[in-house]
């Protein structure tokens, strides 16, 4: 069976989680189970925004 590969690096997820104020919860729980779907969506949106900026600036 093929392992699912994350589209967002762990480091980027944690950085965005810190910005959104949920990092401490993830760190305490040791997983993302208690992070709301809305917040997970915000993390994905922010990651896409960062990726688009990188592409636009040639990075």
C-alpha atoms as a PDB file:
ATOM      1  CA  UNK A   1       0.000   0.000   0.000  1.00  0.00           C
ATOM      2  CA  UNK A   2       1.252   3.454  -0.869  1.00  0.00           C
ATOM      3  CA  UNK A   3       1.748   5.890   2.002  1.00  0.00           C
ATOM      4  CA  UNK A   4      -0.121   9.200   1.647  1.00  0.00           C
ATOM      5  CA  UNK A   5       2.304  12.042   1.215  1.00  0.00           C
ATOM      6  CA  UNK A   6       1.485  15.387   2.808  1.00  0.00           C
ATOM      7  CA  UNK A   7       1.192  18.292   0.401  1.00  0.00           C
ATOM      8  CA  UNK A   8       2.153  20.687   3.182  1.00  0.00           C
ATOM      9  CA  UNK A   9       5.427  20.209   5.032  1.00  0.00           C
ATOM     10  CA  UNK A  10       5.197  19.578   8.758  1.00  0.00           C
ATOM     11  CA  UNK A  11       7.248  22.705   9.442  1.00  0.00           C
ATOM     12  CA  UNK A  12       4.889  24.883   7.416  1.00  0.00           C
ATOM     13  CA  UNK A  13       1.836  23.379   9.147  1.00  0.00           C
ATOM     14  CA  UNK A  14       3.349  24.159  12.540  1.00  0.00           C
ATOM     15  CA  UNK A  15       4.306  27.706  11.538  1.00  0.00           C
ATOM     16  CA  UNK A  16       0.768  28.417  10.340  1.00  0.00           C
ATOM     17  CA  UNK A  17      -0.700  26.731  13.434  1.00  0.00           C
ATOM     18  CA  UNK A  18       1.370  29.141  15.544  1.00  0.00           C
ATOM     19  CA  UNK A  19      -0.019  32.090  13.550  1.00  0.00           C
ATOM     20  CA  UNK A  20      -3.582  30.830  14.049  1.00  0.00           C
ATOM     21  CA  UNK A  21      -3.051  30.149  17.741  1.00  0.00           C
ATOM     22  CA  UNK A  22      -3.615  26.373  17.669  1.00  0.00           C
ATOM     23  CA  UNK A  23       0.001  25.205  17.898  1.00  0.00           C
ATOM     24  CA  UNK A  24      -0.096  24.785  21.682  1.00  0.00           C
ATOM     25  CA  UNK A  25      -3.164  22.535  21.385  1.00  0.00           C
ATOM     26  CA  UNK A  26      -1.479  20.361  18.741  1.00  0.00           C
ATOM     27  CA  UNK A  27       1.714  20.195  20.798  1.00  0.00           C
ATOM     28  CA  UNK A  28      -0.213  19.272  23.965  1.00  0.00           C
ATOM     29  CA  UNK A  29      -2.353  16.610  22.242  1.00  0.00           C
ATOM     30  CA  UNK A  30       0.449  15.267  20.060  1.00  0.00           C
ATOM     31  CA  UNK A  31      -1.903  15.256  17.050  1.00  0.00           C
ATOM     32  CA  UNK A  32      -4.325  17.360  15.020  1.00  0.00           C
ATOM     33  CA  UNK A  33      -7.554  15.605  16.108  1.00  0.00           C
ATOM     34  CA  UNK A  34      -8.851  18.500  18.232  1.00  0.00           C
ATOM     35  CA  UNK A  35      -8.176  21.159  15.604  1.00  0.00           C
ATOM     36  CA  UNK A  36     -11.454  22.195  13.982  1.00  0.00           C
ATOM     37  CA  UNK A  37     -12.160  21.580  10.307  1.00  0.00           C
ATOM     38  CA  UNK A  38     -12.457  25.341   9.875  1.00  0.00           C
ATOM     39  CA  UNK A  39      -8.964  25.885  11.280  1.00  0.00           C
ATOM     40  CA  UNK A  40      -7.528  23.064   9.145  1.00  0.00           C
ATOM     41  CA  UNK A  41      -9.103  24.783   6.136  1.00  0.00           C
ATOM     42  CA  UNK A  42      -7.462  28.048   7.168  1.00  0.00           C
ATOM     43  CA  UNK A  43      -4.097  26.283   7.395  1.00  0.00           C
ATOM     44  CA  UNK A  44      -4.517  24.903   3.866  1.00  0.00           C
ATOM     45  CA  UNK A  45      -5.634  28.306   2.531  1.00  0.00           C
ATOM     46  CA  UNK A  46      -2.658  30.026   4.132  1.00  0.00           C
ATOM     47  CA  UNK A  47      -0.268  27.389   2.739  1.00  0.00           C
ATOM     48  CA  UNK A  48      -1.706  27.912  -0.760  1.00  0.00           C
ATOM     49  CA  UNK A  49      -1.318  31.673  -0.352  1.00  0.00           C
ATOM     50  CA  UNK A  50       2.337  31.224   0.667  1.00  0.00           C
ATOM     51  CA  UNK A  51       2.976  28.851  -2.262  1.00  0.00           C
ATOM     52  CA  UNK A  52       1.391  31.298  -4.715  1.00  0.00           C
ATOM     53  CA  UNK A  53       3.559  34.128  -3.391  1.00  0.00           C
ATOM     54  CA  UNK A  54       6.653  31.968  -3.855  1.00  0.00           C
ATOM     55  CA  UNK A  55       5.710  31.181  -7.450  1.00  0.00           C
ATOM     56  CA  UNK A  56       4.926  34.828  -8.216  1.00  0.00           C
ATOM     57  CA  UNK A  57       8.280  35.923  -6.849  1.00  0.00           C
ATOM     58  CA  UNK A  58      10.207  33.175  -8.604  1.00  0.00           C
ATOM     59  CA  UNK A  59      11.231  31.236  -5.486  1.00  0.00           C
END
